Amino acid sequence: MRALIINALGFQSTWLALVLGGDLFFLMALIWWGVHVVQFAQPGETGRILILGAIGFVMDSLLTLFGVFYFPESPWALMPLWFCGLWVAFPTVLNASLRWVWSRHWLFIPLSGFGASTTYVGGSRLGPLELPLGDWPSIALLTVVWTLYFTMTRWVFLGRFDTTHAAVSGQNQDPSSSG
């Protein structure tokens, strides 16, 4: 349980620092990633979080390119460094404090997709992110995108897309059961 709390707090403090502090806190995301890998990652998890981070980075890069996100302070039409830092840090929670999102009943996946989409609205209120489509159209689109992302997460960690409860093997044990 302690590891899950540290995982959640580590990510949330990194998220907040990146959103409020911008590019200066990219190093914090790298440090958090390193701490997670050294202290908390399970065997085989590091490769999976790298894959899911890369998928998320490409996902949000395409959304930026297609005008779903706009960063007024970014010198390019691409994501700023602080936003990239979110994709360094976020995958560290997928097999720990957010494991319940994708590893239980399939209905959790679209509900979690909706929850994830609303974080962009929160981020747009706090930091230099704009949603040109408006809040609700962005939430609708991002809910679909994040539902697909969490479905992919399920496949990356479990190797399947089934709609039953996850039968977790020994190498994918719930991290809350240790330390």
Protein backbone atom coordinates (compact mmCIF):
# COMPACT_ATOMS: atom_id res chain seq x y z
CA MET A 1 0.00 0.00 0.00
CA ARG A 2 2.87 2.36 0.83
CA ALA A 3 4.31 1.90 -2.68
CA LEU A 4 0.94 2.81 -4.27
CA ILE A 5 0.67 5.99 -2.20
CA ILE A 6 4.22 7.03 -3.08
CA ASN A 7 3.49 6.24 -6.73
CA ALA A 8 0.33 8.35 -6.79
CA LEU A 9 1.89 11.27 -4.89
CA GLY A 10 5.08 11.16 -6.98
CA PHE A 11 3.14 11.38 -10.21
CA GLN A 12 0.65 13.98 -8.98
CA SER A 13 3.40 16.29 -7.70
CA THR A 14 5.25 15.88 -11.02
CA TRP A 15 2.05 16.60 -12.98
CA LEU A 16 1.34 19.73 -10.97
CA ALA A 17 4.94 20.98 -11.22
CA LEU A 18 4.95 20.48 -15.01
CA VAL A 19 1.56 22.14 -15.55
CA LEU A 20 2.29 25.11 -13.28
CA GLY A 21 6.04 25.42 -13.78
CA GLY A 22 6.45 24.46 -17.41
CA ASP A 23 9.65 23.36 -19.12
CA LEU A 24 11.80 24.02 -16.06
CA PHE A 25 10.31 20.93 -14.43
CA PHE A 26 11.03 18.45 -17.24
CA LEU A 27 14.01 17.22 -15.23
CA MET A 28 11.63 16.42 -12.36
CA ALA A 29 9.73 14.08 -14.70
CA LEU A 30 12.96 12.30 -15.61
CA ILE A 31 13.92 11.99 -11.94
CA TRP A 32 10.49 10.63 -11.02
CA TRP A 33 10.73 8.09 -13.86
CA GLY A 34 14.13 6.97 -12.59
CA VAL A 35 12.92 6.66 -9.01
CA HIS A 36 9.96 4.59 -10.16
CA VAL A 37 12.10 2.26 -12.27
CA VAL A 38 14.73 1.73 -9.55
CA GLN A 39 12.43 1.54 -6.52
CA PHE A 40 9.01 0.31 -7.65
CA ALA A 41 8.95 -1.20 -11.13
CA GLN A 42 8.24 -4.90 -11.42
CA PRO A 43 10.33 -7.17 -13.65
CA GLY A 44 9.56 -6.41 -17.31
CA GLU A 45 7.66 -3.22 -16.50
CA THR A 46 10.27 -0.73 -17.70
CA GLY A 47 9.94 -1.76 -21.34
CA ARG A 48 6.17 -1.60 -21.11
CA ILE A 49 6.13 1.90 -19.63
CA LEU A 50 8.54 3.05 -22.34
CA ILE A 51 6.18 1.66 -25.00
CA LEU A 52 3.10 3.23 -23.40
CA GLY A 53 4.92 6.55 -22.95
CA ALA A 54 5.88 6.56 -26.63
CA ILE A 55 2.30 5.71 -27.67
CA GLY A 56 0.95 8.52 -25.48
CA PHE A 57 3.51 10.97 -26.83
CA VAL A 58 2.54 10.13 -30.42
CA MET A 59 -1.16 10.29 -29.49
CA ASP A 60 -0.91 13.79 -27.99
CA SER A 61 1.47 14.95 -30.74
CA LEU A 62 -1.15 14.02 -33.35
CA LEU A 63 -3.88 15.71 -31.33
CA THR A 64 -1.69 18.84 -31.19
CA LEU A 65 -0.95 18.65 -34.91
CA PHE A 66 -4.68 18.37 -35.68
CA GLY A 67 -5.54 21.38 -33.50
CA VAL A 68 -7.16 19.69 -30.52
CA PHE A 69 -4.49 21.25 -28.28
CA TYR A 70 -2.83 24.62 -28.64
CA PHE A 71 0.16 25.81 -26.64
CA PRO A 72 0.43 29.61 -26.96
CA GLU A 73 3.91 29.72 -25.39
CA SER A 74 5.38 27.00 -27.60
CA PRO A 75 7.59 28.31 -30.43
CA TRP A 76 6.48 25.43 -32.66
CA ALA A 77 3.16 23.86 -33.49
CA LEU A 78 4.33 20.91 -31.42
CA MET A 79 4.04 20.01 -27.77
CA PRO A 80 6.28 21.94 -25.38
CA LEU A 81 8.84 20.14 -23.23
CA TRP A 82 6.67 20.26 -20.09
CA PHE A 83 3.87 18.43 -21.91
CA CYS A 84 6.35 15.79 -23.11
CA GLY A 85 7.37 15.43 -19.47
CA LEU A 86 3.84 14.31 -18.67
CA TRP A 87 4.42 11.33 -20.97
CA VAL A 88 7.69 10.55 -19.20
CA ALA A 89 5.91 10.49 -15.83
CA PHE A 90 2.39 9.19 -16.58
CA PRO A 91 3.20 5.60 -17.56
CA THR A 92 4.78 5.08 -14.12
CA VAL A 93 1.30 4.95 -12.58
CA LEU A 94 -0.23 2.53 -15.08
CA ASN A 95 0.90 -0.67 -13.39
CA ALA A 96 0.69 0.77 -9.88
CA SER A 97 -1.80 3.35 -8.60
CA LEU A 98 -3.88 3.30 -11.82
CA ARG A 99 -3.80 -0.46 -12.40
CA TRP A 100 -7.49 -0.70 -11.45
CA VAL A 101 -8.34 1.46 -14.51
CA TRP A 102 -7.53 -1.20 -17.08
CA SER A 103 -7.16 -4.48 -15.18
CA ARG A 104 -10.69 -4.96 -13.86
CA HIS A 105 -14.04 -5.09 -15.63
CA TRP A 106 -14.02 -3.62 -19.14
CA LEU A 107 -16.55 -0.92 -18.11
CA PHE A 108 -13.82 0.80 -16.10
CA ILE A 109 -11.94 1.56 -19.31
CA PRO A 110 -14.41 4.07 -20.90
CA LEU A 111 -15.19 5.58 -17.49
CA SER A 112 -11.49 6.08 -16.95
CA GLY A 113 -11.19 7.47 -20.48
CA PHE A 114 -13.69 10.14 -19.46
CA GLY A 115 -11.75 10.86 -16.26
CA ALA A 116 -8.48 11.17 -18.16
CA SER A 117 -10.04 13.53 -20.71
CA THR A 118 -11.16 15.91 -17.98
CA THR A 119 -7.56 16.33 -16.78
CA TYR A 120 -6.87 18.26 -19.98
CA VAL A 121 -9.62 20.72 -19.07
CA GLY A 122 -8.07 21.07 -15.60
CA GLY A 123 -4.65 21.51 -17.17
CA SER A 124 -6.02 24.19 -19.50
CA ARG A 125 -7.26 26.13 -16.46
CA LEU A 126 -3.89 25.93 -14.71
CA GLY A 127 -1.26 26.07 -17.42
CA PRO A 128 -0.47 27.23 -20.94
CA LEU A 129 -2.74 24.75 -22.73
CA GLU A 130 -5.76 25.75 -24.77
CA LEU A 131 -8.54 23.55 -26.13
CA PRO A 132 -9.63 25.26 -29.38
CA LEU A 133 -12.59 22.89 -29.86
CA GLY A 134 -14.04 23.91 -26.48
CA ASP A 135 -14.33 21.89 -23.29
CA TRP A 136 -17.14 19.44 -24.09
CA PRO A 137 -16.14 18.61 -27.68
CA SER A 138 -12.58 18.09 -26.42
CA ILE A 139 -13.80 15.87 -23.58
CA ALA A 140 -15.88 13.78 -26.01
CA LEU A 141 -12.98 13.29 -28.43
CA LEU A 142 -10.43 12.68 -25.68
CA THR A 143 -12.70 10.15 -23.95
CA VAL A 144 -12.64 8.04 -27.13
CA VAL A 145 -8.87 8.47 -27.50
CA TRP A 146 -8.18 7.59 -23.86
CA THR A 147 -10.54 4.60 -23.98
CA LEU A 148 -8.40 3.29 -26.84
CA TYR A 149 -5.23 4.10 -24.87
CA PHE A 150 -6.39 2.22 -21.77
CA THR A 151 -7.48 -0.71 -23.97
CA MET A 152 -3.97 -0.72 -25.41
CA THR A 153 -2.55 -0.55 -21.89
CA ARG A 154 -4.51 -3.68 -21.04
CA TRP A 155 -3.00 -5.44 -24.04
CA VAL A 156 0.56 -4.28 -23.31
CA PHE A 157 0.43 -5.50 -19.70
CA LEU A 158 -1.78 -8.57 -20.08
CA GLY A 159 -1.32 -9.51 -23.74
CA ARG A 160 -5.03 -9.55 -24.54
CA PHE A 161 -8.11 -7.42 -25.12
CA ASP A 162 -10.68 -9.67 -23.42
CA THR A 163 -13.69 -8.17 -21.68
CA THR A 164 -13.57 -10.32 -18.55
CA HIS A 165 -11.86 -9.58 -15.27
CA ALA A 166 -8.09 -9.66 -15.63
CA ALA A 167 -6.55 -12.92 -14.55
CA VAL A 168 -3.23 -11.53 -13.43
CA SER A 169 -0.25 -13.86 -13.76
CA GLY A 170 2.60 -14.06 -11.26
CA GLN A 171 4.76 -11.51 -13.10
CA ASN A 172 1.90 -9.00 -13.22
CA GLN A 173 0.85 -9.14 -9.60
CA ASP A 174 -0.89 -6.16 -8.10
CA PRO A 175 1.86 -3.90 -6.74
CA SER A 176 -0.22 -3.16 -3.66
CA SER A 177 0.48 -6.68 -2.46
CA SER A 178 4.17 -5.89 -1.91
CA GLY A 179 5.97 -3.43 0.39
